[in-house]
Amino acid sequence: MTKPTDRLLLEFEQPVAALEQRIQEIRALAEENDIDASEQIRQLEAKAEELRREIFSHLTPVERLQVARHPRRPTTLDYVQTICDDWFELHGDRHGQDDPAIVGGLAKLGDQPVMILGHQKGRDTKDNIHRNFGMPNPAGYRKALRLMEHAHRFGLPLLTFIDTPGAYPGVKAEAEGQGEAIATNLQTLFRLEIPIICTVIGEGGSGGALAIGVGNRVLMFEHAVYSVISPEGCAAILWKDAKKAPQAAAALRITAQDLLQLEVIDEILPEPVGGAHRAPLEAAQTLKEALLRHLRELSRLSGRELREERYQKFRRMGAFLELAQGS
């Protein structure tokens, strides 16, 4: 049996971990002494599940951020390999580079051929270094651009999965045109005459996330986060102290619940109790059902209608007030 600590429990999950440890001790003692402790174990398991449900229903923004960054949270490739058939990954930006921080390719979702794009984080230190911790370079966004154009050319719906701290902030990336690459992707996404559905599956950070985040529908998992800047970065700028990240997380309105209220996203996808990493197959099924439902709705629109709807959707975001002169 897996020990609680083997699942990389977060700090706020420790009360549940203590109960699970107690359950293991009782089970081992019962087996050692040939005692039937099934009823006591059942009661403790029910109590642990109830406690976990209570904890996860009252998470603070910074705690949701921890869940979104959990090292075992399902990644783009995890979801693709679970919900899609005939996955064929495409590589390269046609300028001599292939950025592994962004993956993309052709697949079938149900009976529907689709193009898929997504940020890809690693599972361990070696893999994270290879994937640059999910932070794309300009080559990654140019690969994404190539696949967007491919989807448009062949009339394929585009599905994007967002999970990045942000675009790579290195000097080399800036020298190679990071800002231009992101801006070109934004411009392209607004003009494509195909259905586009974006899903924030983990951490959506800054323009690095938005570069594949302009869609007719923007979905977001319950414990994912989406923000113009990381709470740590915001705290370092505003308070000159990264330890103020919890305050920044609350002020930035990074949670799915906040963003739905602000009409930045269109739907919250519920996660299994304890987060998507506790039951990834259940989370994948939720994602698949939502994608198919929205694809059916968008398939009724013409290419021009899809483009216009997407444009108007983003034009409606945000509000401003003009004060009368002298007030």
Protein backbone atom coordinates (compact mmCIF):
# COMPACT_ATOMS: atom_id res chain seq x y z
CA MET A 1 0.00 0.00 0.00
CA THR A 2 1.20 3.51 -0.79
CA LYS A 3 2.13 5.53 2.24
CA PRO A 4 0.58 9.00 2.59
CA THR A 5 3.99 10.63 2.21
CA ASP A 6 4.51 8.77 -1.08
CA ARG A 7 1.78 10.90 -2.65
CA LEU A 8 3.68 14.14 -1.94
CA LEU A 9 1.03 15.56 0.36
CA LEU A 10 0.84 19.31 0.68
CA GLU A 11 1.22 21.04 4.03
CA PHE A 12 -2.49 21.71 4.49
CA GLU A 13 -3.21 17.99 3.90
CA GLN A 14 -1.29 16.91 7.01
CA PRO A 15 -4.44 16.30 9.14
CA VAL A 16 -5.59 13.80 6.50
CA ALA A 17 -2.11 12.26 6.40
CA ALA A 18 -2.24 11.68 10.16
CA LEU A 19 -5.55 9.86 9.84
CA GLU A 20 -4.30 7.74 6.94
CA GLN A 21 -1.20 6.84 8.93
CA ARG A 22 -3.44 5.77 11.82
CA ILE A 23 -5.47 3.59 9.43
CA GLN A 24 -2.32 1.87 8.20
CA GLU A 25 -1.15 1.21 11.75
CA ILE A 26 -4.51 -0.32 12.73
CA ARG A 27 -4.58 -2.45 9.58
CA ALA A 28 -1.05 -3.74 10.21
CA LEU A 29 -1.83 -4.46 13.87
CA ALA A 30 -5.03 -6.29 12.93
CA GLU A 31 -3.21 -8.47 10.40
CA GLU A 32 -0.41 -9.21 12.84
CA ASN A 33 -2.81 -10.33 15.58
CA ASP A 34 -5.47 -11.82 13.29
CA ILE A 35 -8.12 -9.33 14.50
CA ASP A 36 -11.10 -8.06 12.51
CA ALA A 37 -10.80 -4.27 12.56
CA SER A 38 -12.70 -3.67 9.32
CA GLU A 39 -15.45 -1.60 10.94
CA GLN A 40 -13.02 0.72 12.72
CA ILE A 41 -10.99 1.08 9.53
CA ARG A 42 -14.13 1.84 7.52
CA GLN A 43 -15.13 4.57 9.96
CA LEU A 44 -11.67 6.14 9.90
CA GLU A 45 -11.54 6.01 6.09
CA ALA A 46 -14.92 7.75 5.92
CA LYS A 47 -13.67 10.36 8.39
CA ALA A 48 -10.49 10.91 6.33
CA GLU A 49 -12.52 11.35 3.14
CA GLU A 50 -14.87 13.79 4.85
CA LEU A 51 -11.92 15.76 6.24
CA ARG A 52 -10.25 15.89 2.82
CA ARG A 53 -13.50 17.10 1.24
CA GLU A 54 -13.82 19.80 3.91
CA ILE A 55 -10.21 20.96 3.44
CA PHE A 56 -10.44 21.14 -0.35
CA SER A 57 -13.74 22.99 -0.30
CA HIS A 58 -12.16 25.89 1.62
CA LEU A 59 -8.75 26.32 0.01
CA THR A 60 -7.17 29.77 -0.03
CA PRO A 61 -5.85 31.13 -3.35
CA VAL A 62 -2.26 30.32 -2.43
CA GLU A 63 -3.26 26.76 -1.45
CA ARG A 64 -4.94 26.32 -4.84
CA LEU A 65 -1.68 27.48 -6.37
CA GLN A 66 0.10 24.68 -4.53
CA VAL A 67 -2.39 22.14 -5.91
CA ALA A 68 -1.98 23.54 -9.43
CA ARG A 69 1.80 23.11 -9.11
CA HIS A 70 1.66 19.60 -7.63
CA PRO A 71 4.44 17.56 -9.29
CA ARG A 72 2.05 14.67 -9.99
CA ARG A 73 -0.73 16.76 -11.46
CA PRO A 74 -1.73 15.43 -14.92
CA THR A 75 0.07 17.14 -17.79
CA THR A 76 -0.94 17.81 -21.38
CA LEU A 77 0.49 14.49 -22.58
CA ASP A 78 -1.22 12.63 -19.72
CA TYR A 79 -4.60 13.97 -20.82
CA VAL A 80 -3.93 13.48 -24.53
CA GLN A 81 -2.94 9.86 -24.09
CA THR A 82 -6.01 9.21 -21.93
CA ILE A 83 -8.80 10.97 -23.83
CA CYS A 84 -7.60 10.81 -27.44
CA ASP A 85 -7.04 8.16 -30.08
CA ASP A 86 -4.53 8.12 -32.95
CA TRP A 87 -2.27 10.73 -31.32
CA PHE A 88 0.51 11.78 -33.69
CA GLU A 89 2.91 14.35 -32.29
CA LEU A 90 4.33 16.98 -34.63
CA HIS A 91 7.70 18.60 -33.99
CA GLY A 92 9.65 21.68 -34.96
CA ASP A 93 9.08 25.32 -35.82
CA ARG A 94 10.51 24.92 -39.37
CA HIS A 95 13.30 27.29 -38.42
CA GLY A 96 15.58 24.59 -37.07
CA GLN A 97 14.34 24.19 -33.50
CA ASP A 98 11.89 22.05 -31.54
CA ASP A 99 10.95 23.30 -28.08
CA PRO A 100 9.84 20.41 -25.81
CA ALA A 101 8.10 22.85 -23.43
CA ILE A 102 5.23 22.95 -25.94
CA VAL A 103 3.82 19.76 -27.46
CA GLY A 104 1.33 19.50 -30.28
CA GLY A 105 -0.07 17.16 -32.85
CA LEU A 106 -3.03 15.50 -34.49
CA ALA A 107 -5.49 13.25 -32.67
CA LYS A 108 -9.07 12.05 -32.62
CA LEU A 109 -11.37 13.03 -29.77
CA GLY A 110 -14.25 10.62 -30.07
CA ASP A 111 -14.95 10.66 -33.82
CA GLN A 112 -13.65 14.23 -34.28
CA PRO A 113 -10.16 14.84 -35.72
CA VAL A 114 -8.54 17.71 -33.79
CA MET A 115 -5.29 19.61 -33.46
CA ILE A 116 -3.90 19.73 -29.93
CA LEU A 117 -1.41 22.18 -28.42
CA GLY A 118 -0.23 22.37 -24.84
CA HIS A 119 2.49 23.32 -22.41
CA GLN A 120 4.38 20.33 -21.05
CA LYS A 121 6.06 20.15 -17.65
CA GLY A 122 8.34 17.33 -16.52
CA ARG A 123 7.80 14.59 -13.95
CA ASP A 124 11.23 14.68 -12.31
CA THR A 125 14.28 16.94 -12.25
CA LYS A 126 15.81 15.53 -15.43
CA ASP A 127 12.53 15.73 -17.35
CA ASN A 128 11.82 19.22 -16.03
CA ILE A 129 15.20 20.43 -17.23
CA HIS A 130 14.47 18.92 -20.65
CA ARG A 131 11.05 20.61 -20.71
CA ASN A 132 12.43 23.85 -19.20
CA PHE A 133 9.84 23.49 -16.41
CA GLY A 134 7.07 24.12 -18.94
CA MET A 135 8.43 27.56 -19.91
CA PRO A 136 8.54 27.88 -23.71
CA ASN A 137 11.14 29.72 -25.74
CA PRO A 138 10.22 31.59 -28.94
CA ALA A 139 10.72 28.35 -30.90
CA GLY A 140 7.91 26.78 -28.89
CA TYR A 141 5.47 29.53 -29.77
CA ARG A 142 6.53 29.40 -33.42
CA LYS A 143 5.91 25.65 -33.42
CA ALA A 144 2.48 26.37 -31.92
CA LEU A 145 1.89 28.98 -34.65
CA ARG A 146 2.73 26.45 -37.36
CA LEU A 147 0.24 23.96 -35.93
CA MET A 148 -2.46 26.63 -35.54
CA GLU A 149 -2.10 27.47 -39.23
CA HIS A 150 -2.19 23.76 -40.09
CA ALA A 151 -5.44 23.34 -38.16
CA HIS A 152 -6.96 26.35 -39.94
CA ARG A 153 -5.87 25.09 -43.36
CA PHE A 154 -7.56 21.72 -42.88
CA GLY A 155 -10.57 22.90 -40.86
CA LEU A 156 -9.59 21.08 -37.66
CA PRO A 157 -10.83 22.25 -34.24
CA LEU A 158 -7.96 23.45 -32.06
CA LEU A 159 -7.72 22.31 -28.43
CA THR A 160 -5.10 23.96 -26.20
CA PHE A 161 -4.01 22.94 -22.71
CA ILE A 162 -2.45 25.66 -20.56
CA ASP A 163 0.06 24.77 -17.84
CA THR A 164 3.08 27.06 -17.53
CA PRO A 165 4.63 29.50 -15.05
CA GLY A 166 5.12 31.78 -18.07
CA ALA A 167 7.31 32.17 -21.13
CA TYR A 168 11.02 31.66 -20.45
CA PRO A 169 12.41 35.01 -19.21
CA GLY A 170 15.98 34.49 -20.34
CA VAL A 171 18.12 36.94 -22.28
CA LYS A 172 18.47 34.51 -25.20
CA ALA A 173 14.68 34.17 -25.45
CA GLU A 174 14.29 37.94 -25.58
CA ALA A 175 17.03 38.21 -28.20
CA GLU A 176 15.23 35.64 -30.35
CA GLY A 177 11.98 37.59 -30.26
CA GLN A 178 9.92 36.24 -27.38
CA GLY A 179 7.52 39.20 -27.34
CA GLU A 180 7.03 39.12 -31.11
CA ALA A 181 6.37 35.37 -31.08
CA ILE A 182 3.69 35.70 -28.41
CA ALA A 183 2.09 38.71 -30.12
CA THR A 184 1.97 36.89 -33.46
CA ASN A 185 0.23 33.92 -31.82
CA LEU A 186 -2.37 36.20 -30.24
CA GLN A 187 -3.04 37.90 -33.57
CA THR A 188 -3.32 34.55 -35.33
CA LEU A 189 -5.69 33.01 -32.80
CA PHE A 190 -8.09 35.91 -33.30
CA ARG A 191 -8.31 35.41 -37.06
CA LEU A 192 -8.62 31.61 -37.31
CA GLU A 193 -12.01 30.43 -38.60
CA ILE A 194 -12.10 27.17 -36.65
CA PRO A 195 -13.46 26.19 -33.21
CA ILE A 196 -10.86 26.87 -30.50
CA ILE A 197 -11.26 25.54 -26.94
CA CYS A 198 -8.62 26.42 -24.33
CA THR A 199 -8.37 24.64 -20.98
CA VAL A 200 -6.26 25.74 -18.02
CA ILE A 201 -5.20 22.37 -16.61
CA GLY A 202 -2.69 23.59 -14.04
CA GLU A 203 -0.80 26.85 -13.80
CA GLY A 204 -1.59 29.59 -16.30
CA GLY A 205 1.05 32.29 -16.07
CA SER A 206 1.32 35.59 -17.93
CA GLY A 207 1.64 35.99 -21.71
CA GLY A 208 3.25 32.59 -21.88
CA ALA A 209 -0.15 31.11 -21.11
CA LEU A 210 -2.21 33.59 -23.12
CA ALA A 211 -0.17 32.82 -26.26
CA ILE A 212 -2.24 29.65 -26.65
CA GLY A 213 -5.20 30.89 -24.58
CA VAL A 214 -7.41 32.81 -27.00
CA GLY A 215 -10.43 30.62 -27.69
CA ASN A 216 -14.16 30.53 -28.29
CA ARG A 217 -14.39 28.73 -24.98
CA VAL A 218 -11.97 28.96 -22.07
CA LEU A 219 -12.35 26.19 -19.52
CA MET A 220 -10.48 25.82 -16.24
CA PHE A 221 -10.04 23.01 -13.75
CA GLU A 222 -11.34 23.70 -10.27
CA HIS A 223 -7.91 23.95 -8.61
CA ALA A 224 -6.02 25.48 -11.54
CA VAL A 225 -4.83 29.10 -11.45
CA TYR A 226 -4.61 31.77 -14.16
CA SER A 227 -2.87 35.10 -13.70
CA VAL A 228 -0.98 37.93 -15.37
CA ILE A 229 1.99 37.24 -13.04
CA SER A 230 2.93 34.71 -10.40
CA PRO A 231 2.02 35.68 -6.83
CA GLU A 232 5.72 35.51 -5.91
CA GLY A 233 6.63 37.88 -8.75
CA CYS A 234 3.80 40.24 -7.85
CA ALA A 235 4.83 40.27 -4.19
CA ALA A 236 8.46 40.96 -5.11
CA ILE A 237 7.38 43.97 -7.19
CA LEU A 238 4.73 45.47 -4.92
CA TRP A 239 6.09 44.65 -1.47
CA LYS A 240 9.74 43.89 -2.30
CA ASP A 241 9.13 40.63 -0.44
CA ALA A 242 8.28 37.29 -2.10
CA LYS A 243 6.97 36.06 1.28
CA LYS A 244 3.91 38.26 0.67
CA ALA A 245 2.82 35.78 -2.03
CA PRO A 246 -0.35 34.73 -0.14
CA GLN A 247 -1.53 38.35 -0.09
CA ALA A 248 -0.67 38.74 -3.75
CA ALA A 249 -2.51 35.53 -4.67
CA ALA A 250 -5.67 36.83 -3.02
CA ALA A 251 -5.38 40.25 -4.69
CA LEU A 252 -4.67 38.85 -8.17
CA ARG A 253 -7.94 36.85 -8.31
CA ILE A 254 -6.17 33.80 -9.69
CA THR A 255 -8.74 31.11 -8.87
CA ALA A 256 -11.26 29.55 -11.23
CA GLN A 257 -14.13 30.82 -9.08
CA ASP A 258 -12.89 34.43 -9.29
CA LEU A 259 -12.23 34.22 -13.01
CA LEU A 260 -15.65 32.77 -13.76
CA GLN A 261 -17.21 35.67 -11.86
CA LEU A 262 -15.07 38.10 -13.87
CA GLU A 263 -16.13 36.32 -17.10
CA VAL A 264 -12.53 35.58 -18.07
CA ILE A 265 -13.38 31.87 -18.29
CA ASP A 266 -16.56 30.12 -19.37
CA GLU A 267 -16.72 26.99 -17.23
CA ILE A 268 -15.11 25.38 -14.18
CA LEU A 269 -14.32 21.68 -14.51
CA PRO A 270 -14.74 19.90 -11.15
CA GLU A 271 -11.79 17.90 -9.87
CA PRO A 272 -11.76 14.70 -7.81
CA VAL A 273 -11.62 15.35 -4.06
CA GLY A 274 -7.98 16.06 -3.28
CA GLY A 275 -7.13 17.34 -6.76
CA ALA A 276 -6.75 15.91 -10.25
CA HIS A 277 -3.55 14.09 -9.28
CA ARG A 278 -5.47 11.83 -6.87
CA ALA A 279 -7.73 10.45 -9.61
CA PRO A 280 -6.31 11.45 -13.01
CA LEU A 281 -8.59 9.12 -15.00
CA GLU A 282 -11.65 10.73 -13.43
CA ALA A 283 -10.29 14.20 -14.21
CA ALA A 284 -9.57 13.14 -17.79
CA GLN A 285 -13.11 11.88 -18.27
CA THR A 286 -14.49 15.20 -17.01
CA LEU A 287 -12.27 17.03 -19.48
CA LYS A 288 -13.24 14.81 -22.40
CA GLU A 289 -16.97 15.21 -21.78
CA ALA A 290 -16.65 19.01 -21.54
CA LEU A 291 -14.57 19.26 -24.73
CA LEU A 292 -16.98 17.12 -26.73
CA ARG A 293 -19.97 19.12 -25.46
CA HIS A 294 -18.43 22.46 -26.42
CA LEU A 295 -17.25 21.10 -29.79
CA ARG A 296 -20.83 20.08 -30.58
CA GLU A 297 -22.05 23.60 -29.73
CA LEU A 298 -19.33 25.33 -31.76
CA SER A 299 -19.80 23.05 -34.78
CA ARG A 300 -23.10 24.84 -35.47
CA LEU A 301 -21.28 28.10 -36.23
CA SER A 302 -19.66 29.10 -39.51
CA GLY A 303 -16.01 30.06 -39.70
CA ARG A 304 -16.81 33.77 -39.76
CA GLU A 305 -19.19 33.39 -36.82
CA LEU A 306 -16.52 31.56 -34.82
CA ARG A 307 -14.01 34.32 -35.50
CA GLU A 308 -16.46 37.10 -34.64
CA GLU A 309 -17.68 35.37 -31.48
CA ARG A 310 -14.10 34.93 -30.26
CA TYR A 311 -13.28 38.57 -30.96
CA GLN A 312 -16.36 39.86 -29.16
CA LYS A 313 -15.76 37.54 -26.21
CA PHE A 314 -12.40 39.13 -25.48
CA ARG A 315 -13.62 42.64 -26.24
CA ARG A 316 -16.18 42.26 -23.43
CA MET A 317 -13.55 41.44 -20.83
CA GLY A 318 -12.73 44.12 -18.30
CA ALA A 319 -14.36 47.46 -17.62
CA PHE A 320 -13.23 51.02 -17.06
CA LEU A 321 -14.71 54.24 -15.75
CA GLU A 322 -14.08 57.76 -17.00
CA LEU A 323 -14.29 60.38 -14.29
CA ALA A 324 -15.68 63.79 -15.11
CA GLN A 325 -13.04 66.49 -15.30
CA GLY A 326 -12.43 68.08 -11.91
CA SER A 327 -14.10 65.28 -9.96
